[in-house]
Amino acid sequence: MPASLHLIAISGSLRAASCNTALLRAVQSVAPSHIHVTLFAQLAQVPPFNPDIDIETVPLLAQLRDQIIAADGVLIASPEYAHGVSGVMKNLLDWLVNTPAFANKPVATLNTSPRAQHAF
């Protein structure tokens, strides 16, 4: 049996009927038994980025950072808005960019829109 893998999946959409979130849930449901996919579902609770605030004082972000560090990889599915990722996804990335969360971490980006050209 292959070694187990743990992936963190993050949707950049807050829509209840988000196609990007549905895609990540589909990945989660069809993943082989040795691949565990954890969907981060608290994006709406991430506060606006403020460089004066230490990430350690925001438990949700400190926990996500630690989960990403411990994971084997990250899956990001985000809609494209204004030629980039969604604002809530950009906000989350701003919080995590100065942490070791993504250092040498494999990241796959997905987008469900056939019109997307710039986000990923």
N, C-alpha and C. Protein backbone atom coordinates (compact mmCIF):
# COMPACT_ATOMS: atom_id res chain seq x y z
N MET A 1 0.85 -1.19 0.00
CA MET A 1 0.00 0.00 0.00
C MET A 1 0.89 1.24 0.00
N PRO A 2 0.52 2.29 -0.78
CA PRO A 2 1.31 3.51 -0.80
C PRO A 2 1.29 4.21 0.56
N ALA A 3 2.31 5.01 0.79
CA ALA A 3 2.35 5.80 2.03
C ALA A 3 1.17 6.75 2.06
N SER A 4 0.68 7.04 3.25
CA SER A 4 -0.46 7.94 3.34
C SER A 4 -0.02 9.39 3.09
N LEU A 5 -0.93 10.15 2.53
CA LEU A 5 -0.72 11.57 2.26
C LEU A 5 -1.84 12.36 2.91
N HIS A 6 -1.49 13.53 3.42
CA HIS A 6 -2.49 14.41 3.99
C HIS A 6 -2.44 15.74 3.25
N LEU A 7 -3.58 16.15 2.70
CA LEU A 7 -3.69 17.39 1.95
C LEU A 7 -4.67 18.33 2.63
N ILE A 8 -4.34 19.62 2.64
CA ILE A 8 -5.27 20.65 3.09
C ILE A 8 -5.88 21.27 1.84
N ALA A 9 -7.20 21.35 1.80
CA ALA A 9 -7.91 21.93 0.66
C ALA A 9 -8.55 23.24 1.09
N ILE A 10 -8.33 24.29 0.29
CA ILE A 10 -8.86 25.61 0.62
C ILE A 10 -9.61 26.15 -0.59
N SER A 11 -10.88 26.48 -0.38
CA SER A 11 -11.67 27.12 -1.43
C SER A 11 -11.64 28.61 -1.21
N GLY A 12 -11.44 29.35 -2.29
CA GLY A 12 -11.42 30.81 -2.22
C GLY A 12 -12.79 31.43 -2.40
N SER A 13 -13.84 30.65 -2.26
CA SER A 13 -15.19 31.15 -2.44
C SER A 13 -15.99 31.02 -1.15
N LEU A 14 -16.79 32.02 -0.87
CA LEU A 14 -17.68 31.97 0.29
C LEU A 14 -19.09 31.56 -0.09
N ARG A 15 -19.38 31.43 -1.38
CA ARG A 15 -20.72 31.07 -1.84
C ARG A 15 -21.12 29.68 -1.34
N ALA A 16 -22.35 29.58 -0.87
CA ALA A 16 -22.85 28.28 -0.41
C ALA A 16 -22.85 27.26 -1.54
N ALA A 17 -23.14 27.70 -2.76
CA ALA A 17 -23.20 26.80 -3.91
C ALA A 17 -21.94 26.93 -4.78
N SER A 18 -20.82 27.17 -4.17
CA SER A 18 -19.57 27.37 -4.91
C SER A 18 -19.15 26.11 -5.67
N CYS A 19 -18.85 26.29 -6.95
CA CYS A 19 -18.34 25.18 -7.76
C CYS A 19 -16.93 24.80 -7.32
N ASN A 20 -16.13 25.78 -6.88
CA ASN A 20 -14.77 25.48 -6.44
C ASN A 20 -14.78 24.66 -5.15
N THR A 21 -15.67 25.01 -4.22
CA THR A 21 -15.81 24.21 -3.00
C THR A 21 -16.33 22.82 -3.33
N ALA A 22 -17.30 22.75 -4.25
CA ALA A 22 -17.83 21.44 -4.66
C ALA A 22 -16.72 20.58 -5.27
N LEU A 23 -15.84 21.19 -6.05
CA LEU A 23 -14.73 20.45 -6.64
C LEU A 23 -13.82 19.87 -5.55
N LEU A 24 -13.51 20.67 -4.53
CA LEU A 24 -12.66 20.18 -3.45
C LEU A 24 -13.36 19.08 -2.66
N ARG A 25 -14.66 19.20 -2.47
CA ARG A 25 -15.41 18.13 -1.79
C ARG A 25 -15.41 16.86 -2.62
N ALA A 26 -15.48 17.01 -3.94
CA ALA A 26 -15.43 15.84 -4.82
C ALA A 26 -14.06 15.17 -4.72
N VAL A 27 -13.00 15.98 -4.71
CA VAL A 27 -11.64 15.43 -4.53
C VAL A 27 -11.58 14.66 -3.22
N GLN A 28 -12.13 15.25 -2.18
CA GLN A 28 -12.15 14.62 -0.86
C GLN A 28 -12.88 13.28 -0.90
N SER A 29 -13.99 13.22 -1.62
CA SER A 29 -14.80 12.00 -1.62
C SER A 29 -14.25 10.89 -2.52
N VAL A 30 -13.48 11.24 -3.55
CA VAL A 30 -12.96 10.21 -4.44
C VAL A 30 -11.48 9.88 -4.19
N ALA A 31 -10.88 10.56 -3.23
CA ALA A 31 -9.47 10.29 -2.94
C ALA A 31 -9.29 8.85 -2.49
N PRO A 32 -8.23 8.21 -2.95
CA PRO A 32 -7.95 6.84 -2.47
C PRO A 32 -7.80 6.83 -0.95
N SER A 33 -7.95 5.67 -0.37
CA SER A 33 -7.95 5.56 1.09
C SER A 33 -6.66 6.04 1.75
N HIS A 34 -5.56 6.05 1.02
CA HIS A 34 -4.30 6.50 1.62
C HIS A 34 -4.09 8.02 1.50
N ILE A 35 -5.06 8.72 0.87
CA ILE A 35 -4.97 10.18 0.75
C ILE A 35 -6.10 10.79 1.55
N HIS A 36 -5.75 11.54 2.58
CA HIS A 36 -6.72 12.20 3.45
C HIS A 36 -6.74 13.68 3.08
N VAL A 37 -7.93 14.18 2.72
CA VAL A 37 -8.09 15.57 2.32
C VAL A 37 -8.93 16.28 3.38
N THR A 38 -8.38 17.33 3.98
CA THR A 38 -9.08 18.13 4.98
C THR A 38 -9.46 19.46 4.35
N LEU A 39 -10.75 19.76 4.33
CA LEU A 39 -11.24 21.01 3.75
C LEU A 39 -11.27 22.09 4.83
N PHE A 40 -10.57 23.19 4.58
CA PHE A 40 -10.63 24.35 5.46
C PHE A 40 -11.93 25.09 5.14
N ALA A 41 -12.85 25.09 6.09
CA ALA A 41 -14.19 25.63 5.84
C ALA A 41 -14.47 26.91 6.63
N GLN A 42 -13.46 27.55 7.16
CA GLN A 42 -13.66 28.74 7.98
C GLN A 42 -13.15 30.02 7.33
N LEU A 43 -13.08 30.06 6.00
CA LEU A 43 -12.53 31.23 5.33
C LEU A 43 -13.29 32.50 5.68
N ALA A 44 -14.58 32.41 5.88
CA ALA A 44 -15.38 33.60 6.23
C ALA A 44 -15.02 34.17 7.59
N GLN A 45 -14.37 33.37 8.45
CA GLN A 45 -14.00 33.85 9.77
C GLN A 45 -12.59 34.46 9.83
N VAL A 46 -11.88 34.46 8.72
CA VAL A 46 -10.52 35.03 8.70
C VAL A 46 -10.64 36.55 8.73
N PRO A 47 -10.02 37.20 9.73
CA PRO A 47 -10.12 38.66 9.81
C PRO A 47 -9.31 39.33 8.71
N PRO A 48 -9.60 40.59 8.42
CA PRO A 48 -8.79 41.32 7.45
C PRO A 48 -7.32 41.34 7.88
N PHE A 49 -6.44 41.18 6.91
CA PHE A 49 -5.01 41.14 7.22
C PHE A 49 -4.56 42.46 7.82
N ASN A 50 -3.78 42.36 8.89
CA ASN A 50 -3.19 43.53 9.53
C ASN A 50 -1.79 43.13 9.97
N PRO A 51 -0.75 43.69 9.38
CA PRO A 51 0.62 43.29 9.73
C PRO A 51 1.01 43.63 11.17
N ASP A 52 0.20 44.45 11.84
CA ASP A 52 0.48 44.76 13.24
C ASP A 52 -0.02 43.68 14.20
N ILE A 53 -0.80 42.74 13.67
CA ILE A 53 -1.34 41.66 14.50
C ILE A 53 -0.51 40.40 14.29
N ASP A 54 -0.04 39.82 15.38
CA ASP A 54 0.72 38.57 15.32
C ASP A 54 -0.24 37.43 15.06
N ILE A 55 0.10 36.59 14.10
CA ILE A 55 -0.77 35.46 13.73
C ILE A 55 -1.05 34.55 14.94
N GLU A 56 -0.16 34.53 15.91
CA GLU A 56 -0.36 33.71 17.11
C GLU A 56 -1.57 34.16 17.91
N THR A 57 -1.98 35.41 17.75
CA THR A 57 -3.13 35.92 18.51
C THR A 57 -4.46 35.63 17.81
N VAL A 58 -4.38 35.01 16.65
CA VAL A 58 -5.59 34.64 15.90
C VAL A 58 -5.60 33.10 15.82
N PRO A 59 -6.22 32.43 16.79
CA PRO A 59 -6.14 30.96 16.86
C PRO A 59 -6.50 30.24 15.57
N LEU A 60 -7.51 30.71 14.85
CA LEU A 60 -7.91 30.07 13.60
C LEU A 60 -6.75 30.05 12.61
N LEU A 61 -6.04 31.16 12.49
CA LEU A 61 -4.93 31.26 11.54
C LEU A 61 -3.71 30.49 12.01
N ALA A 62 -3.42 30.54 13.30
CA ALA A 62 -2.28 29.79 13.83
C ALA A 62 -2.52 28.29 13.64
N GLN A 63 -3.76 27.85 13.85
CA GLN A 63 -4.08 26.43 13.67
C GLN A 63 -3.97 26.04 12.19
N LEU A 64 -4.48 26.86 11.28
CA LEU A 64 -4.37 26.56 9.86
C LEU A 64 -2.91 26.53 9.43
N ARG A 65 -2.13 27.49 9.88
CA ARG A 65 -0.70 27.50 9.56
C ARG A 65 -0.05 26.19 9.99
N ASP A 66 -0.34 25.75 11.20
CA ASP A 66 0.24 24.51 11.71
C ASP A 66 -0.25 23.29 10.92
N GLN A 67 -1.52 23.30 10.52
CA GLN A 67 -2.05 22.20 9.72
C GLN A 67 -1.38 22.14 8.35
N ILE A 68 -1.15 23.30 7.75
CA ILE A 68 -0.47 23.33 6.46
C ILE A 68 0.97 22.86 6.60
N ILE A 69 1.65 23.30 7.63
CA ILE A 69 3.03 22.86 7.87
C ILE A 69 3.09 21.34 8.00
N ALA A 70 2.12 20.75 8.70
CA ALA A 70 2.11 19.31 8.93
C ALA A 70 1.64 18.52 7.71
N ALA A 71 0.94 19.17 6.79
CA ALA A 71 0.38 18.48 5.62
C ALA A 71 1.46 18.19 4.59
N ASP A 72 1.15 17.23 3.72
CA ASP A 72 2.05 16.90 2.62
C ASP A 72 1.87 17.83 1.43
N GLY A 73 0.74 18.52 1.36
CA GLY A 73 0.49 19.43 0.25
C GLY A 73 -0.80 20.19 0.46
N VAL A 74 -1.03 21.16 -0.43
CA VAL A 74 -2.19 22.03 -0.33
C VAL A 74 -2.89 22.08 -1.70
N LEU A 75 -4.21 22.00 -1.68
CA LEU A 75 -5.03 22.21 -2.87
C LEU A 75 -5.78 23.51 -2.69
N ILE A 76 -5.68 24.41 -3.65
CA ILE A 76 -6.40 25.68 -3.60
C ILE A 76 -7.29 25.77 -4.83
N ALA A 77 -8.59 25.98 -4.60
CA ALA A 77 -9.53 26.21 -5.69
C ALA A 77 -10.19 27.56 -5.44
N SER A 78 -9.99 28.48 -6.36
CA SER A 78 -10.51 29.82 -6.16
C SER A 78 -11.11 30.37 -7.44
N PRO A 79 -12.23 31.08 -7.31
CA PRO A 79 -12.75 31.76 -8.49
C PRO A 79 -11.81 32.91 -8.86
N GLU A 80 -11.96 33.38 -10.08
CA GLU A 80 -11.18 34.52 -10.54
C GLU A 80 -12.03 35.77 -10.46
N TYR A 81 -11.52 36.78 -9.79
CA TYR A 81 -12.17 38.08 -9.71
C TYR A 81 -11.14 39.14 -10.05
N ALA A 82 -11.47 40.04 -10.96
CA ALA A 82 -10.60 41.16 -11.33
C ALA A 82 -9.19 40.69 -11.67
N HIS A 83 -9.10 39.64 -12.46
CA HIS A 83 -7.82 39.11 -12.95
C HIS A 83 -6.94 38.54 -11.84
N GLY A 84 -7.53 38.02 -10.80
CA GLY A 84 -6.76 37.41 -9.72
C GLY A 84 -7.65 36.51 -8.88
N VAL A 85 -7.07 35.99 -7.81
CA VAL A 85 -7.85 35.18 -6.89
C VAL A 85 -8.84 36.06 -6.15
N SER A 86 -9.80 35.45 -5.52
CA SER A 86 -10.81 36.21 -4.77
C SER A 86 -10.16 37.00 -3.64
N GLY A 87 -10.83 38.04 -3.22
CA GLY A 87 -10.31 38.88 -2.14
C GLY A 87 -10.11 38.12 -0.85
N VAL A 88 -11.03 37.21 -0.53
CA VAL A 88 -10.89 36.45 0.72
C VAL A 88 -9.70 35.48 0.64
N MET A 89 -9.43 34.95 -0.56
CA MET A 89 -8.26 34.08 -0.71
C MET A 89 -6.97 34.90 -0.61
N LYS A 90 -6.95 36.06 -1.25
CA LYS A 90 -5.77 36.94 -1.16
C LYS A 90 -5.53 37.33 0.29
N ASN A 91 -6.60 37.63 1.02
CA ASN A 91 -6.48 37.98 2.43
C ASN A 91 -5.84 36.85 3.23
N LEU A 92 -6.30 35.61 2.99
CA LEU A 92 -5.73 34.46 3.69
C LEU A 92 -4.25 34.29 3.35
N LEU A 93 -3.92 34.41 2.08
CA LEU A 93 -2.52 34.29 1.67
C LEU A 93 -1.65 35.39 2.29
N ASP A 94 -2.21 36.59 2.41
CA ASP A 94 -1.46 37.67 3.06
C ASP A 94 -1.10 37.30 4.50
N TRP A 95 -2.03 36.66 5.21
CA TRP A 95 -1.76 36.24 6.58
C TRP A 95 -0.65 35.18 6.64
N LEU A 96 -0.62 34.29 5.66
CA LEU A 96 0.28 33.13 5.73
C LEU A 96 1.63 33.33 5.04
N VAL A 97 1.77 34.38 4.24
CA VAL A 97 2.97 34.54 3.43
C VAL A 97 4.25 34.70 4.27
N ASN A 98 4.17 35.28 5.42
CA ASN A 98 5.36 35.47 6.26
C ASN A 98 5.53 34.38 7.30
N THR A 99 4.88 33.25 7.09
CA THR A 99 5.03 32.11 7.98
C THR A 99 5.72 31.00 7.19
N PRO A 100 6.17 29.95 7.88
CA PRO A 100 6.78 28.83 7.14
C PRO A 100 5.76 27.88 6.52
N ALA A 101 4.49 28.24 6.50
CA ALA A 101 3.44 27.33 6.04
C ALA A 101 3.67 26.79 4.63
N PHE A 102 4.04 27.66 3.71
CA PHE A 102 4.16 27.23 2.32
C PHE A 102 5.61 26.97 1.88
N ALA A 103 6.55 27.08 2.80
CA ALA A 103 7.95 26.85 2.44
C ALA A 103 8.14 25.40 1.99
N ASN A 104 8.59 25.21 0.76
CA ASN A 104 8.84 23.89 0.18
C ASN A 104 7.61 22.99 0.19
N LYS A 105 6.42 23.59 0.21
CA LYS A 105 5.17 22.82 0.27
C LYS A 105 4.59 22.71 -1.14
N PRO A 106 4.32 21.50 -1.61
CA PRO A 106 3.66 21.37 -2.91
C PRO A 106 2.25 21.96 -2.84
N VAL A 107 1.91 22.78 -3.84
CA VAL A 107 0.60 23.41 -3.90
C VAL A 107 0.05 23.20 -5.30
N ALA A 108 -1.19 22.74 -5.37
CA ALA A 108 -1.89 22.60 -6.65
C ALA A 108 -3.04 23.60 -6.65
N THR A 109 -3.19 24.31 -7.75
CA THR A 109 -4.27 25.28 -7.87
C THR A 109 -5.28 24.77 -8.89
N LEU A 110 -6.54 24.96 -8.56
CA LEU A 110 -7.65 24.51 -9.40
C LEU A 110 -8.61 25.66 -9.60
N ASN A 111 -9.33 25.63 -10.71
CA ASN A 111 -10.36 26.63 -10.97
C ASN A 111 -11.41 25.97 -11.83
N THR A 112 -12.66 26.14 -11.47
CA THR A 112 -13.73 25.44 -12.17
C THR A 112 -14.28 26.21 -13.37
N SER A 113 -13.88 27.44 -13.55
CA SER A 113 -14.43 28.23 -14.64
C SER A 113 -13.62 28.09 -15.92
N PRO A 114 -14.27 27.77 -17.02
CA PRO A 114 -13.54 27.67 -18.28
C PRO A 114 -13.10 29.05 -18.78
N ARG A 115 -13.64 30.13 -18.23
CA ARG A 115 -13.25 31.48 -18.63
C ARG A 115 -12.07 32.03 -17.84
N ALA A 116 -11.70 31.40 -16.75
CA ALA A 116 -10.61 31.92 -15.91
C ALA A 116 -9.29 31.89 -16.69
N GLN A 117 -8.58 32.99 -16.64
CA GLN A 117 -7.30 33.08 -17.35
C GLN A 117 -6.17 33.58 -16.47
N HIS A 118 -6.49 34.28 -15.39
CA HIS A 118 -5.46 34.96 -14.63
C HIS A 118 -5.26 34.44 -13.20
N ALA A 119 -6.30 33.88 -12.60
CA ALA A 119 -6.20 33.48 -11.20
C ALA A 119 -5.21 32.37 -11.00
N PHE A 120 -5.17 31.39 -11.91
CA PHE A 120 -4.25 30.27 -11.79
C PHE A 120 -3.83 29.83 -13.16
